[in-house]
Amino acid sequence: MKQVYRLMLLKDSEYISVESYDSINKDAEEILKILISIVKTSKKNITKK
């Protein structure tokens, strides 16, 4: 994903700290999991109708 690549560039260029990167990356992973769950649930609900 482009966002992960961009985050890594920011970290590697020392524009953001490793701690900031870890925190942002963890939050991004959680958001992605939530969005995937929403899409799967929506697809199931659409199929039931």
C-alpha atoms as a PDB file:
ATOM      1  CA  MET A   1       0.000   0.000   0.000  1.00  0.00           C
ATOM      2  CA  LYS A   2       1.161   3.472  -0.828  1.00  0.00           C
ATOM      3  CA  GLN A   3       0.462   4.789   2.653  1.00  0.00           C
ATOM      4  CA  VAL A   4       2.724   2.223   4.294  1.00  0.00           C
ATOM      5  CA  TYR A   5       5.476   3.039   1.812  1.00  0.00           C
ATOM      6  CA  ARG A   6       5.109   6.749   2.523  1.00  0.00           C
ATOM      7  CA  LEU A   7       5.218   6.150   6.263  1.00  0.00           C
ATOM      8  CA  MET A   8       8.388   4.132   5.843  1.00  0.00           C
ATOM      9  CA  LEU A   9       9.953   6.934   3.799  1.00  0.00           C
ATOM     10  CA  LEU A  10       9.115   9.441   6.513  1.00  0.00           C
ATOM     11  CA  LYS A  11      10.673   7.195   9.138  1.00  0.00           C
ATOM     12  CA  ASP A  12      13.746   6.327   7.084  1.00  0.00           C
ATOM     13  CA  SER A  13      14.386   9.975   6.279  1.00  0.00           C
ATOM     14  CA  GLU A  14      14.052  10.722  10.000  1.00  0.00           C
ATOM     15  CA  TYR A  15      11.201  13.149   9.308  1.00  0.00           C
ATOM     16  CA  ILE A  16       9.233  11.251  11.961  1.00  0.00           C
ATOM     17  CA  SER A  17      10.618   9.238  14.852  1.00  0.00           C
ATOM     18  CA  VAL A  18      10.522   5.473  15.047  1.00  0.00           C
ATOM     19  CA  GLU A  19       8.064   5.799  17.929  1.00  0.00           C
ATOM     20  CA  SER A  20       5.740   7.959  15.833  1.00  0.00           C
ATOM     21  CA  TYR A  21       6.018   5.550  12.936  1.00  0.00           C
ATOM     22  CA  ASP A  22       5.180   2.579  15.157  1.00  0.00           C
ATOM     23  CA  SER A  23       2.165   4.358  16.621  1.00  0.00           C
ATOM     24  CA  ILE A  24       0.818   5.565  13.278  1.00  0.00           C
ATOM     25  CA  ASN A  25       1.432   2.206  11.633  1.00  0.00           C
ATOM     26  CA  LYS A  26      -0.370   0.370  14.436  1.00  0.00           C
ATOM     27  CA  ASP A  27      -3.355   2.724  14.142  1.00  0.00           C
ATOM     28  CA  ALA A  28      -3.408   2.299  10.360  1.00  0.00           C
ATOM     29  CA  GLU A  29      -3.425  -1.488  10.701  1.00  0.00           C
ATOM     30  CA  GLU A  30      -6.353  -1.343  13.130  1.00  0.00           C
ATOM     31  CA  ILE A  31      -8.310   0.976  10.821  1.00  0.00           C
ATOM     32  CA  LEU A  32      -7.641  -1.350   7.891  1.00  0.00           C
ATOM     33  CA  LYS A  33      -8.919  -4.347   9.882  1.00  0.00           C
ATOM     34  CA  ILE A  34     -12.097  -2.444  10.772  1.00  0.00           C
ATOM     35  CA  LEU A  35     -12.686  -1.424   7.157  1.00  0.00           C
ATOM     36  CA  ILE A  36     -12.149  -4.981   5.911  1.00  0.00           C
ATOM     37  CA  SER A  37     -14.641  -6.232   8.484  1.00  0.00           C
ATOM     38  CA  ILE A  38     -17.200  -3.628   7.385  1.00  0.00           C
ATOM     39  CA  VAL A  39     -16.815  -4.622   3.726  1.00  0.00           C
ATOM     40  CA  LYS A  40     -17.164  -8.339   4.496  1.00  0.00           C
ATOM     41  CA  THR A  41     -20.244  -7.767   6.655  1.00  0.00           C
ATOM     42  CA  SER A  42     -21.803  -5.507   4.032  1.00  0.00           C
ATOM     43  CA  LYS A  43     -21.244  -8.111   1.317  1.00  0.00           C
ATOM     44  CA  LYS A  44     -22.872 -10.793   3.494  1.00  0.00           C
ATOM     45  CA  ASN A  45     -25.877  -8.553   4.176  1.00  0.00           C
ATOM     46  CA  ILE A  46     -26.298  -7.673   0.504  1.00  0.00           C
ATOM     47  CA  THR A  47     -26.183 -11.365  -0.470  1.00  0.00           C
ATOM     48  CA  LYS A  48     -28.911 -12.253   2.069  1.00  0.00           C
ATOM     49  CA  LYS A  49     -31.427  -9.864   0.511  1.00  0.00           C
END
